[in-house]
N, C-alpha and C. Protein backbone atom coordinates (compact mmCIF):
# COMPACT_ATOMS: atom_id res chain seq x y z
N MET A 1 2.39 -27.22 1.36
CA MET A 1 1.88 -26.56 0.15
C MET A 1 3.04 -25.89 -0.59
N SER A 2 3.16 -26.14 -1.86
CA SER A 2 4.27 -25.53 -2.60
C SER A 2 4.01 -24.03 -2.75
N GLN A 3 5.07 -23.31 -3.01
CA GLN A 3 4.94 -21.85 -3.14
C GLN A 3 4.01 -21.50 -4.31
N GLN A 4 4.08 -22.31 -5.37
CA GLN A 4 3.24 -22.04 -6.53
C GLN A 4 1.76 -22.20 -6.19
N ALA A 5 1.47 -23.31 -5.51
CA ALA A 5 0.07 -23.58 -5.12
C ALA A 5 -0.42 -22.49 -4.18
N GLU A 6 0.48 -22.08 -3.30
CA GLU A 6 0.14 -21.04 -2.33
C GLU A 6 -0.14 -19.71 -3.04
N THR A 7 0.68 -19.39 -4.05
CA THR A 7 0.48 -18.14 -4.79
C THR A 7 -0.85 -18.18 -5.53
N SER A 8 -1.18 -19.32 -6.14
CA SER A 8 -2.45 -19.36 -6.88
C SER A 8 -3.63 -19.31 -5.92
N ASP A 9 -3.45 -19.82 -4.71
CA ASP A 9 -4.47 -19.73 -3.67
C ASP A 9 -4.73 -18.28 -3.28
N ILE A 10 -3.65 -17.57 -3.05
CA ILE A 10 -3.74 -16.15 -2.69
C ILE A 10 -4.39 -15.37 -3.84
N LYS A 11 -3.96 -15.69 -5.05
CA LYS A 11 -4.53 -14.99 -6.22
C LYS A 11 -6.03 -15.17 -6.29
N LYS A 12 -6.49 -16.41 -6.11
CA LYS A 12 -7.95 -16.67 -6.14
C LYS A 12 -8.65 -15.82 -5.09
N LYS A 13 -8.04 -15.77 -3.92
CA LYS A 13 -8.63 -15.05 -2.80
C LYS A 13 -8.76 -13.55 -3.09
N ILE A 14 -7.77 -13.00 -3.81
CA ILE A 14 -7.77 -11.54 -3.97
C ILE A 14 -8.30 -11.04 -5.31
N LEU A 15 -8.54 -11.96 -6.24
CA LEU A 15 -9.00 -11.52 -7.57
C LEU A 15 -10.31 -10.75 -7.52
N THR A 16 -11.17 -11.12 -6.58
CA THR A 16 -12.50 -10.49 -6.52
C THR A 16 -12.49 -9.16 -5.77
N THR A 17 -11.33 -8.76 -5.26
CA THR A 17 -11.30 -7.54 -4.44
C THR A 17 -11.13 -6.27 -5.25
N GLY A 18 -10.92 -6.42 -6.57
CA GLY A 18 -10.73 -5.23 -7.40
C GLY A 18 -9.33 -4.65 -7.31
N ILE A 19 -8.40 -5.42 -6.73
CA ILE A 19 -7.03 -4.92 -6.52
C ILE A 19 -6.34 -4.56 -7.83
N ARG A 20 -6.73 -5.23 -8.93
CA ARG A 20 -6.00 -4.97 -10.19
C ARG A 20 -6.79 -4.09 -11.17
N VAL A 21 -7.93 -3.59 -10.72
CA VAL A 21 -8.74 -2.74 -11.60
C VAL A 21 -8.26 -1.29 -11.50
N GLY A 22 -7.73 -0.79 -12.62
CA GLY A 22 -7.21 0.58 -12.61
C GLY A 22 -8.25 1.59 -13.05
N THR A 23 -7.79 2.65 -13.71
CA THR A 23 -8.67 3.74 -14.15
C THR A 23 -8.68 3.75 -15.68
N GLN A 24 -9.32 4.76 -16.25
CA GLN A 24 -9.35 4.88 -17.72
C GLN A 24 -8.14 5.63 -18.26
N VAL A 25 -7.25 5.98 -17.36
CA VAL A 25 -6.06 6.74 -17.76
C VAL A 25 -4.82 5.92 -17.43
N LYS A 26 -3.83 5.93 -18.34
CA LYS A 26 -2.55 5.32 -17.95
C LYS A 26 -1.43 6.33 -18.16
N THR A 27 -0.55 6.43 -17.18
CA THR A 27 0.59 7.33 -17.32
C THR A 27 1.78 6.52 -17.83
N LYS A 28 2.78 7.22 -18.31
CA LYS A 28 3.97 6.51 -18.81
C LYS A 28 4.68 5.77 -17.67
N PHE A 29 4.49 6.27 -16.44
CA PHE A 29 5.12 5.64 -15.28
C PHE A 29 4.54 4.26 -14.99
N MET A 30 3.25 4.10 -15.31
CA MET A 30 2.55 2.88 -14.92
C MET A 30 2.36 1.89 -16.08
N ARG A 31 2.81 2.30 -17.26
CA ARG A 31 2.58 1.49 -18.46
C ARG A 31 3.06 0.05 -18.31
N SER A 32 4.24 -0.13 -17.73
CA SER A 32 4.83 -1.47 -17.64
C SER A 32 4.09 -2.39 -16.67
N PHE A 33 3.19 -1.83 -15.86
CA PHE A 33 2.45 -2.66 -14.89
C PHE A 33 1.06 -3.05 -15.42
N ILE A 34 0.72 -2.57 -16.61
CA ILE A 34 -0.64 -2.78 -17.13
C ILE A 34 -0.68 -3.95 -18.11
N THR A 35 -1.68 -4.81 -17.98
CA THR A 35 -1.77 -5.95 -18.90
C THR A 35 -2.68 -5.64 -20.09
N LYS A 36 -3.87 -5.10 -19.80
CA LYS A 36 -4.83 -4.86 -20.89
C LYS A 36 -5.88 -3.89 -20.38
N ALA A 37 -6.80 -3.55 -21.28
CA ALA A 37 -7.93 -2.72 -20.84
C ALA A 37 -9.16 -3.64 -20.76
N SER A 38 -10.04 -3.35 -19.81
CA SER A 38 -11.27 -4.14 -19.68
C SER A 38 -12.27 -3.65 -20.73
N PRO A 39 -13.36 -4.43 -20.98
CA PRO A 39 -14.37 -3.97 -21.94
C PRO A 39 -14.92 -2.58 -21.61
N GLU A 40 -14.90 -2.22 -20.32
CA GLU A 40 -15.42 -0.90 -19.91
C GLU A 40 -14.36 0.19 -20.11
N GLY A 41 -13.18 -0.21 -20.63
CA GLY A 41 -12.15 0.80 -20.87
C GLY A 41 -11.27 1.11 -19.66
N LEU A 42 -11.31 0.23 -18.66
CA LEU A 42 -10.44 0.44 -17.50
C LEU A 42 -9.16 -0.36 -17.70
N TYR A 43 -8.04 0.25 -17.41
CA TYR A 43 -6.77 -0.47 -17.54
C TYR A 43 -6.61 -1.45 -16.38
N MET A 44 -6.15 -2.65 -16.70
CA MET A 44 -5.99 -3.68 -15.67
C MET A 44 -4.52 -3.85 -15.33
N LEU A 45 -4.24 -3.96 -14.03
CA LEU A 45 -2.86 -4.12 -13.58
C LEU A 45 -2.48 -5.60 -13.52
N ASP A 46 -1.20 -5.86 -13.70
CA ASP A 46 -0.69 -7.23 -13.68
C ASP A 46 -0.53 -7.71 -12.24
N LEU A 47 -1.36 -8.66 -11.85
CA LEU A 47 -1.40 -9.13 -10.46
C LEU A 47 -0.08 -9.78 -10.03
N ASP A 48 0.58 -10.46 -10.97
CA ASP A 48 1.87 -11.09 -10.64
C ASP A 48 2.89 -10.04 -10.23
N ILE A 49 2.88 -8.93 -10.96
CA ILE A 49 3.83 -7.85 -10.63
C ILE A 49 3.47 -7.24 -9.27
N THR A 50 2.17 -7.08 -9.04
CA THR A 50 1.73 -6.53 -7.74
C THR A 50 2.25 -7.38 -6.60
N LEU A 51 2.08 -8.70 -6.71
CA LEU A 51 2.52 -9.61 -5.64
C LEU A 51 4.04 -9.58 -5.50
N GLU A 52 4.72 -9.49 -6.62
CA GLU A 52 6.18 -9.41 -6.62
C GLU A 52 6.65 -8.14 -5.89
N LYS A 53 5.98 -7.02 -6.21
CA LYS A 53 6.35 -5.74 -5.60
C LYS A 53 6.03 -5.71 -4.11
N ILE A 54 4.98 -6.42 -3.72
CA ILE A 54 4.64 -6.50 -2.29
C ILE A 54 5.76 -7.25 -1.56
N GLN A 55 6.31 -8.27 -2.21
CA GLN A 55 7.44 -9.00 -1.64
C GLN A 55 8.67 -8.09 -1.48
N THR A 56 8.95 -7.33 -2.54
CA THR A 56 10.08 -6.39 -2.51
C THR A 56 9.89 -5.37 -1.39
N ALA A 57 8.68 -4.82 -1.29
CA ALA A 57 8.38 -3.81 -0.26
C ALA A 57 8.53 -4.41 1.14
N ALA A 58 8.05 -5.64 1.31
CA ALA A 58 8.13 -6.30 2.63
C ALA A 58 9.58 -6.51 3.05
N LYS A 59 10.42 -6.91 2.10
CA LYS A 59 11.85 -7.10 2.40
C LYS A 59 12.49 -5.77 2.82
N PHE A 60 12.15 -4.74 2.08
CA PHE A 60 12.67 -3.40 2.33
C PHE A 60 12.25 -2.91 3.73
N ILE A 61 10.97 -3.06 4.03
CA ILE A 61 10.43 -2.61 5.33
C ILE A 61 11.10 -3.38 6.47
N ASN A 62 11.26 -4.69 6.30
CA ASN A 62 11.90 -5.48 7.36
C ASN A 62 13.35 -5.12 7.57
N ARG A 63 14.01 -4.78 6.46
CA ARG A 63 15.42 -4.44 6.58
C ARG A 63 15.61 -3.18 7.43
N LEU A 64 14.71 -2.21 7.24
CA LEU A 64 14.84 -0.95 7.99
C LEU A 64 14.10 -0.99 9.32
N GLY A 65 13.16 -1.92 9.47
CA GLY A 65 12.41 -2.06 10.72
C GLY A 65 11.05 -1.40 10.66
N THR A 66 10.01 -2.15 11.01
CA THR A 66 8.64 -1.60 10.95
C THR A 66 8.45 -0.45 11.93
N ASP A 67 9.26 -0.42 12.99
CA ASP A 67 9.15 0.68 13.96
C ASP A 67 9.77 1.97 13.44
N LYS A 68 10.49 1.86 12.31
CA LYS A 68 11.10 3.06 11.70
C LYS A 68 10.27 3.55 10.51
N LEU A 69 9.09 2.96 10.36
CA LEU A 69 8.25 3.24 9.19
C LEU A 69 7.09 4.15 9.58
N ILE A 70 6.78 5.14 8.73
CA ILE A 70 5.50 5.82 8.92
C ILE A 70 4.63 5.53 7.70
N VAL A 71 3.36 5.32 7.98
CA VAL A 71 2.39 5.01 6.93
C VAL A 71 1.41 6.16 6.88
N CYS A 72 1.31 6.82 5.71
CA CYS A 72 0.42 7.97 5.66
C CYS A 72 -0.59 7.86 4.53
N SER A 73 -1.72 8.49 4.76
CA SER A 73 -2.70 8.62 3.69
C SER A 73 -3.73 9.68 4.02
N GLY A 74 -4.05 10.46 3.00
CA GLY A 74 -5.13 11.42 3.13
C GLY A 74 -6.43 10.82 2.61
N ARG A 75 -6.39 9.55 2.25
CA ARG A 75 -7.56 8.90 1.68
C ARG A 75 -8.38 8.19 2.76
N GLN A 76 -9.66 8.49 2.79
CA GLN A 76 -10.52 7.95 3.86
C GLN A 76 -10.53 6.42 3.89
N TYR A 77 -10.60 5.80 2.72
CA TYR A 77 -10.69 4.34 2.69
C TYR A 77 -9.40 3.65 3.11
N ALA A 78 -8.32 4.42 3.22
CA ALA A 78 -7.05 3.81 3.64
C ALA A 78 -6.90 3.83 5.16
N GLU A 79 -7.83 4.50 5.86
CA GLU A 79 -7.66 4.67 7.30
C GLU A 79 -7.64 3.36 8.08
N THR A 80 -8.68 2.54 7.91
CA THR A 80 -8.73 1.27 8.65
C THR A 80 -7.58 0.35 8.24
N PRO A 81 -7.29 0.18 6.93
CA PRO A 81 -6.16 -0.67 6.57
C PRO A 81 -4.85 -0.23 7.23
N ILE A 82 -4.63 1.09 7.28
CA ILE A 82 -3.38 1.60 7.87
C ILE A 82 -3.38 1.39 9.39
N GLU A 83 -4.53 1.65 10.03
CA GLU A 83 -4.60 1.45 11.48
C GLU A 83 -4.28 0.01 11.84
N LYS A 84 -4.85 -0.92 11.07
CA LYS A 84 -4.63 -2.35 11.33
C LYS A 84 -3.16 -2.71 11.08
N PHE A 85 -2.63 -2.23 9.97
CA PHE A 85 -1.23 -2.47 9.61
C PHE A 85 -0.31 -2.03 10.76
N CYS A 86 -0.54 -0.80 11.23
CA CYS A 86 0.33 -0.23 12.28
C CYS A 86 0.15 -0.95 13.62
N GLU A 87 -1.06 -1.41 13.87
CA GLU A 87 -1.34 -2.14 15.12
C GLU A 87 -0.59 -3.48 15.13
N VAL A 88 -0.62 -4.19 14.02
CA VAL A 88 0.03 -5.50 13.93
C VAL A 88 1.55 -5.36 13.93
N LEU A 89 2.06 -4.33 13.24
CA LEU A 89 3.51 -4.25 13.02
C LEU A 89 4.22 -3.18 13.83
N ASP A 90 3.46 -2.45 14.65
CA ASP A 90 4.05 -1.43 15.50
C ASP A 90 4.72 -0.32 14.69
N SER A 91 4.04 0.15 13.65
CA SER A 91 4.53 1.28 12.86
C SER A 91 3.73 2.52 13.25
N LYS A 92 4.16 3.67 12.77
CA LYS A 92 3.47 4.92 13.10
C LYS A 92 2.57 5.33 11.95
N GLN A 93 1.37 5.77 12.27
CA GLN A 93 0.44 6.19 11.22
C GLN A 93 0.25 7.70 11.22
N LEU A 94 0.08 8.25 10.01
CA LEU A 94 -0.26 9.66 9.86
C LEU A 94 -1.45 9.71 8.92
N LEU A 95 -2.64 9.91 9.49
CA LEU A 95 -3.85 9.90 8.66
C LEU A 95 -4.37 11.31 8.46
N GLY A 96 -5.11 11.50 7.37
CA GLY A 96 -5.65 12.82 7.08
C GLY A 96 -4.59 13.71 6.44
N ARG A 97 -4.74 15.00 6.62
CA ARG A 97 -3.84 15.94 5.96
C ARG A 97 -2.42 15.81 6.50
N PHE A 98 -1.47 15.76 5.59
CA PHE A 98 -0.06 15.67 5.98
C PHE A 98 0.43 17.08 6.29
N MET A 99 0.82 17.30 7.54
CA MET A 99 1.21 18.65 7.95
C MET A 99 2.57 19.03 7.37
N PRO A 100 2.64 20.18 6.66
CA PRO A 100 3.92 20.62 6.09
C PRO A 100 4.99 20.73 7.17
N GLY A 101 6.19 20.23 6.84
CA GLY A 101 7.29 20.31 7.79
C GLY A 101 7.46 19.07 8.65
N THR A 102 6.52 18.12 8.54
CA THR A 102 6.56 16.91 9.38
C THR A 102 7.91 16.19 9.27
N LEU A 103 8.45 16.14 8.06
CA LEU A 103 9.71 15.40 7.86
C LEU A 103 10.91 16.32 7.64
N THR A 104 10.64 17.63 7.53
CA THR A 104 11.73 18.53 7.12
C THR A 104 12.05 19.64 8.10
N ASN A 105 11.17 19.90 9.07
CA ASN A 105 11.41 21.03 9.97
C ASN A 105 11.54 20.58 11.43
N PRO A 106 12.79 20.39 11.89
CA PRO A 106 13.02 19.87 13.25
C PRO A 106 12.48 20.75 14.37
N SER A 107 12.17 22.02 14.07
CA SER A 107 11.69 22.87 15.16
C SER A 107 10.19 22.69 15.42
N LEU A 108 9.52 21.92 14.58
CA LEU A 108 8.08 21.71 14.78
C LEU A 108 7.83 20.60 15.81
N PRO A 109 6.76 20.77 16.62
CA PRO A 109 6.50 19.76 17.66
C PRO A 109 6.16 18.38 17.07
N TYR A 110 5.63 18.35 15.86
CA TYR A 110 5.24 17.06 15.28
C TYR A 110 6.28 16.49 14.30
N TYR A 111 7.48 17.10 14.31
CA TYR A 111 8.55 16.63 13.42
C TYR A 111 8.95 15.19 13.76
N ILE A 112 9.12 14.35 12.73
CA ILE A 112 9.57 12.98 12.97
C ILE A 112 10.66 12.61 11.97
N GLU A 113 11.45 11.61 12.35
CA GLU A 113 12.55 11.16 11.49
C GLU A 113 12.44 9.66 11.21
N PRO A 114 11.52 9.28 10.34
CA PRO A 114 11.43 7.85 10.03
C PRO A 114 12.55 7.44 9.08
N LYS A 115 12.72 6.14 8.89
CA LYS A 115 13.71 5.64 7.93
C LYS A 115 13.03 5.33 6.59
N LEU A 116 11.68 5.28 6.62
CA LEU A 116 10.93 4.85 5.44
C LEU A 116 9.51 5.38 5.52
N VAL A 117 8.96 5.73 4.36
CA VAL A 117 7.58 6.24 4.30
C VAL A 117 6.78 5.36 3.34
N LEU A 118 5.57 5.01 3.76
CA LEU A 118 4.66 4.23 2.91
C LEU A 118 3.42 5.08 2.67
N ILE A 119 3.10 5.31 1.38
CA ILE A 119 1.93 6.14 1.07
C ILE A 119 0.91 5.32 0.25
N SER A 120 -0.33 5.78 0.29
CA SER A 120 -1.40 5.02 -0.37
C SER A 120 -1.80 5.56 -1.74
N ASP A 121 -1.42 6.81 -2.01
CA ASP A 121 -1.79 7.41 -3.29
C ASP A 121 -0.86 8.58 -3.59
N PRO A 122 -0.05 8.48 -4.64
CA PRO A 122 0.92 9.53 -4.94
C PRO A 122 0.30 10.90 -5.15
N GLN A 123 -0.95 10.92 -5.57
CA GLN A 123 -1.61 12.21 -5.80
C GLN A 123 -2.07 12.82 -4.48
N VAL A 124 -2.79 12.05 -3.71
CA VAL A 124 -3.33 12.53 -2.42
C VAL A 124 -2.21 12.80 -1.42
N ASP A 125 -1.19 11.95 -1.46
CA ASP A 125 -0.11 12.05 -0.46
C ASP A 125 1.14 12.74 -1.00
N GLU A 126 0.91 13.67 -1.90
CA GLU A 126 2.02 14.34 -2.58
C GLU A 126 2.95 15.07 -1.60
N GLN A 127 2.37 15.72 -0.61
CA GLN A 127 3.17 16.47 0.37
C GLN A 127 4.15 15.53 1.09
N ALA A 128 3.68 14.35 1.45
CA ALA A 128 4.53 13.36 2.14
C ALA A 128 5.69 12.95 1.25
N ILE A 129 5.41 12.76 -0.05
CA ILE A 129 6.45 12.34 -0.99
C ILE A 129 7.50 13.45 -1.16
N ILE A 130 7.02 14.69 -1.31
CA ILE A 130 7.94 15.82 -1.48
C ILE A 130 8.89 15.92 -0.28
N GLU A 131 8.32 15.84 0.92
CA GLU A 131 9.15 16.00 2.12
C GLU A 131 10.09 14.83 2.32
N ALA A 132 9.62 13.62 2.05
CA ALA A 132 10.47 12.44 2.20
C ALA A 132 11.65 12.55 1.22
N THR A 133 11.34 12.96 0.00
CA THR A 133 12.39 13.12 -1.03
C THR A 133 13.42 14.16 -0.58
N ASN A 134 12.93 15.30 -0.07
CA ASN A 134 13.84 16.36 0.40
C ASN A 134 14.69 15.90 1.58
N ALA A 135 14.12 15.02 2.40
CA ALA A 135 14.84 14.56 3.60
C ALA A 135 15.66 13.30 3.32
N GLY A 136 15.62 12.83 2.05
CA GLY A 136 16.39 11.64 1.70
C GLY A 136 15.83 10.35 2.27
N ILE A 137 14.52 10.33 2.49
CA ILE A 137 13.87 9.12 3.05
C ILE A 137 13.21 8.35 1.90
N PRO A 138 13.49 7.06 1.76
CA PRO A 138 12.86 6.29 0.68
C PRO A 138 11.34 6.18 0.85
N VAL A 139 10.65 6.11 -0.29
CA VAL A 139 9.18 6.04 -0.28
C VAL A 139 8.70 4.77 -0.99
N ILE A 140 7.79 4.07 -0.33
CA ILE A 140 7.07 2.97 -0.97
C ILE A 140 5.66 3.50 -1.23
N GLY A 141 5.16 3.32 -2.45
CA GLY A 141 3.85 3.88 -2.76
C GLY A 141 2.94 2.91 -3.49
N ILE A 142 1.68 2.89 -3.10
CA ILE A 142 0.66 2.13 -3.83
C ILE A 142 0.19 3.05 -4.94
N ALA A 143 0.30 2.61 -6.19
CA ALA A 143 0.00 3.50 -7.31
C ALA A 143 -0.96 2.87 -8.30
N ASN A 144 -1.90 3.67 -8.77
CA ASN A 144 -2.89 3.24 -9.75
C ASN A 144 -2.40 3.58 -11.16
N THR A 145 -3.15 3.16 -12.17
CA THR A 145 -2.72 3.35 -13.56
C THR A 145 -2.54 4.82 -13.95
N ASP A 146 -3.22 5.73 -13.23
CA ASP A 146 -3.17 7.15 -13.61
C ASP A 146 -2.21 7.96 -12.74
N ASN A 147 -1.41 7.29 -11.90
CA ASN A 147 -0.53 8.03 -10.99
C ASN A 147 0.82 8.37 -11.61
N ILE A 148 1.41 9.44 -11.07
CA ILE A 148 2.77 9.85 -11.44
C ILE A 148 3.67 9.38 -10.30
N THR A 149 4.67 8.59 -10.64
CA THR A 149 5.43 7.94 -9.57
C THR A 149 6.92 8.26 -9.60
N SER A 150 7.27 9.44 -10.15
CA SER A 150 8.69 9.74 -10.35
C SER A 150 9.52 9.73 -9.07
N ASN A 151 8.93 10.04 -7.91
CA ASN A 151 9.74 10.07 -6.68
C ASN A 151 9.47 8.90 -5.75
N ILE A 152 8.97 7.80 -6.31
CA ILE A 152 8.68 6.64 -5.48
C ILE A 152 9.73 5.57 -5.73
N ASP A 153 10.30 5.05 -4.65
CA ASP A 153 11.40 4.08 -4.77
C ASP A 153 10.89 2.67 -5.05
N VAL A 154 9.84 2.28 -4.36
CA VAL A 154 9.21 0.98 -4.64
C VAL A 154 7.74 1.23 -4.95
N ILE A 155 7.34 0.88 -6.17
CA ILE A 155 5.94 1.08 -6.59
C ILE A 155 5.18 -0.22 -6.42
N ILE A 156 4.06 -0.17 -5.69
CA ILE A 156 3.16 -1.33 -5.63
C ILE A 156 1.98 -0.99 -6.53
N PRO A 157 1.91 -1.58 -7.72
CA PRO A 157 0.81 -1.24 -8.63
C PRO A 157 -0.49 -1.90 -8.15
N ALA A 158 -1.48 -1.08 -7.82
CA ALA A 158 -2.76 -1.62 -7.33
C ALA A 158 -3.81 -0.53 -7.38
N ASN A 159 -5.05 -0.96 -7.32
CA ASN A 159 -6.18 -0.04 -7.22
C ASN A 159 -6.09 0.61 -5.83
N ASN A 160 -5.82 1.91 -5.80
CA ASN A 160 -5.69 2.57 -4.49
C ASN A 160 -6.90 3.45 -4.17
N ARG A 161 -8.03 3.18 -4.84
CA ARG A 161 -9.26 3.95 -4.57
C ARG A 161 -10.31 3.09 -3.85
N GLY A 162 -10.34 1.80 -4.18
CA GLY A 162 -11.42 0.94 -3.65
C GLY A 162 -11.20 0.54 -2.21
N ARG A 163 -12.28 0.44 -1.46
CA ARG A 163 -12.18 0.04 -0.05
C ARG A 163 -11.56 -1.34 0.10
N LYS A 164 -12.13 -2.28 -0.66
CA LYS A 164 -11.66 -3.66 -0.52
C LYS A 164 -10.24 -3.82 -1.10
N ALA A 165 -9.97 -3.11 -2.19
CA ALA A 165 -8.65 -3.20 -2.82
C ALA A 165 -7.57 -2.68 -1.86
N LEU A 166 -7.82 -1.55 -1.23
CA LEU A 166 -6.84 -0.99 -0.28
C LEU A 166 -6.64 -1.92 0.91
N ALA A 167 -7.74 -2.49 1.41
CA ALA A 167 -7.65 -3.44 2.52
C ALA A 167 -6.78 -4.63 2.12
N THR A 168 -6.96 -5.07 0.87
CA THR A 168 -6.22 -6.24 0.38
C THR A 168 -4.72 -5.96 0.28
N VAL A 169 -4.36 -4.79 -0.23
CA VAL A 169 -2.93 -4.45 -0.36
C VAL A 169 -2.26 -4.45 1.01
N TYR A 170 -2.91 -3.81 1.99
CA TYR A 170 -2.30 -3.74 3.32
C TYR A 170 -2.28 -5.11 4.00
N TRP A 171 -3.31 -5.90 3.76
CA TRP A 171 -3.36 -7.27 4.30
C TRP A 171 -2.21 -8.11 3.72
N LEU A 172 -2.03 -8.01 2.40
CA LEU A 172 -0.96 -8.76 1.74
C LEU A 172 0.42 -8.32 2.26
N LEU A 173 0.57 -7.02 2.47
CA LEU A 173 1.85 -6.49 2.96
C LEU A 173 2.17 -7.01 4.36
N VAL A 174 1.18 -6.94 5.24
CA VAL A 174 1.39 -7.44 6.61
C VAL A 174 1.77 -8.91 6.58
N ARG A 175 1.01 -9.66 5.79
CA ARG A 175 1.25 -11.10 5.68
C ARG A 175 2.67 -11.38 5.20
N GLN A 176 3.08 -10.67 4.16
CA GLN A 176 4.41 -10.89 3.59
C GLN A 176 5.51 -10.48 4.56
N ILE A 177 5.29 -9.41 5.30
CA ILE A 177 6.28 -8.95 6.29
C ILE A 177 6.45 -10.02 7.38
N LEU A 178 5.33 -10.60 7.82
CA LEU A 178 5.40 -11.65 8.85
C LEU A 178 6.09 -12.90 8.32
N ILE A 179 5.87 -13.20 7.03
CA ILE A 179 6.54 -14.35 6.41
C ILE A 179 8.05 -14.10 6.33
N GLU A 180 8.40 -12.88 5.91
CA GLU A 180 9.82 -12.52 5.80
C GLU A 180 10.52 -12.59 7.17
N ARG A 181 9.76 -12.27 8.20
CA ARG A 181 10.32 -12.29 9.56
C ARG A 181 10.42 -13.70 10.13
N GLY A 182 9.75 -14.63 9.43
CA GLY A 182 9.72 -16.00 9.95
C GLY A 182 8.65 -16.21 11.02
N GLU A 183 7.73 -15.23 11.14
CA GLU A 183 6.66 -15.36 12.15
C GLU A 183 5.42 -16.05 11.57
N LEU A 184 5.44 -16.25 10.26
CA LEU A 184 4.31 -16.91 9.59
C LEU A 184 4.91 -17.79 8.50
N LYS A 185 4.38 -19.00 8.37
CA LYS A 185 4.89 -19.87 7.30
C LYS A 185 4.15 -19.57 6.01
N GLU A 186 4.79 -19.84 4.86
CA GLU A 186 4.20 -19.55 3.54
C GLU A 186 2.74 -19.99 3.42
N GLY A 187 2.42 -21.23 3.78
CA GLY A 187 1.06 -21.73 3.56
C GLY A 187 0.11 -21.49 4.72
N GLU A 188 0.60 -20.82 5.75
CA GLU A 188 -0.18 -20.65 6.97
C GLU A 188 -1.17 -19.50 6.83
N SER A 189 -2.29 -19.59 7.52
CA SER A 189 -3.26 -18.49 7.49
C SER A 189 -2.90 -17.47 8.56
N MET A 190 -3.07 -16.23 8.21
CA MET A 190 -2.85 -15.18 9.19
C MET A 190 -4.11 -15.10 10.05
N LYS A 191 -3.96 -14.60 11.29
CA LYS A 191 -5.17 -14.56 12.15
C LYS A 191 -6.15 -13.46 11.72
N TYR A 192 -5.70 -12.57 10.83
CA TYR A 192 -6.60 -11.53 10.34
C TYR A 192 -7.02 -11.85 8.92
N GLU A 193 -8.24 -11.47 8.60
CA GLU A 193 -8.71 -11.62 7.22
C GLU A 193 -8.71 -10.24 6.55
N ILE A 194 -8.91 -10.24 5.23
CA ILE A 194 -8.96 -8.97 4.49
C ILE A 194 -10.05 -8.07 5.09
N ASP A 195 -11.17 -8.66 5.48
CA ASP A 195 -12.28 -7.89 6.06
C ASP A 195 -11.86 -7.07 7.28
N ASP A 196 -10.93 -7.62 8.05
CA ASP A 196 -10.48 -6.91 9.26
C ASP A 196 -9.74 -5.61 8.91
N PHE A 197 -9.26 -5.54 7.67
CA PHE A 197 -8.51 -4.37 7.24
C PHE A 197 -9.39 -3.36 6.49
N GLU A 198 -10.64 -3.71 6.31
CA GLU A 198 -11.48 -2.88 5.43
C GLU A 198 -12.22 -1.78 6.18
N THR A 199 -12.17 -0.58 5.62
CA THR A 199 -12.92 0.54 6.19
C THR A 199 -14.40 0.27 5.98
N LYS A 200 -15.15 0.30 7.07
CA LYS A 200 -16.58 0.01 6.96
C LYS A 200 -17.33 1.30 6.58
N ILE A 201 -18.32 1.13 5.72
CA ILE A 201 -19.12 2.30 5.33
C ILE A 201 -20.24 2.46 6.34
N THR A 202 -20.50 3.69 6.76
CA THR A 202 -21.61 3.92 7.68
C THR A 202 -22.89 4.06 6.85
N GLU A 203 -24.03 3.90 7.50
CA GLU A 203 -25.29 3.93 6.76
C GLU A 203 -25.56 5.27 6.09
N GLU A 204 -25.09 6.34 6.73
CA GLU A 204 -25.31 7.67 6.10
C GLU A 204 -24.62 7.72 4.74
N GLU A 205 -23.46 7.12 4.67
CA GLU A 205 -22.68 7.19 3.43
C GLU A 205 -23.38 6.44 2.30
N ILE A 206 -24.07 5.36 2.64
CA ILE A 206 -24.74 4.56 1.61
C ILE A 206 -25.90 5.36 1.00
N GLU A 207 -26.62 6.07 1.87
CA GLU A 207 -27.73 6.90 1.38
C GLU A 207 -27.16 8.10 0.63
């Protein structure tokens, strides 16, 4: 399968996940990633750029090593995608509230020294970004149309609120990292599907 055919295959697969559906707000930081607004007034992200940035992020992560990466999010819907990501790639996860001093205060019992930080939302994970920046650690961030991304080194433009969209971003990242490592061929299917990365809603939440 040619790379082009493979890309259009992946695109078809992910178009329905809401990965490119942004918000009604666009910041100057995200302007270059936006293609148009939907009839409902939501800004749409450019899927080609998203896939390109996932490739860039995967190369970056592989260069520094997945075992040197921490993946954090205070967002509930990012929990399962991050758990799956870390399980497959042997990275460290920090879910829920980011404890102050985690990256900057060596005297704390939970202090860590990663080489790279991956966050799911610049707004929710602001503390992680501030500390990584202070500690000189590069940050990869999934950012929506309304996010401020001034301290993010690699921006992955995507819907970072939706359950399926977040699952898709992490699924794409894992897949690309495995391809970069030579553990997966371009046209090959990964043994995990997007569904495996998705946070399931409990019945109480639906009511």
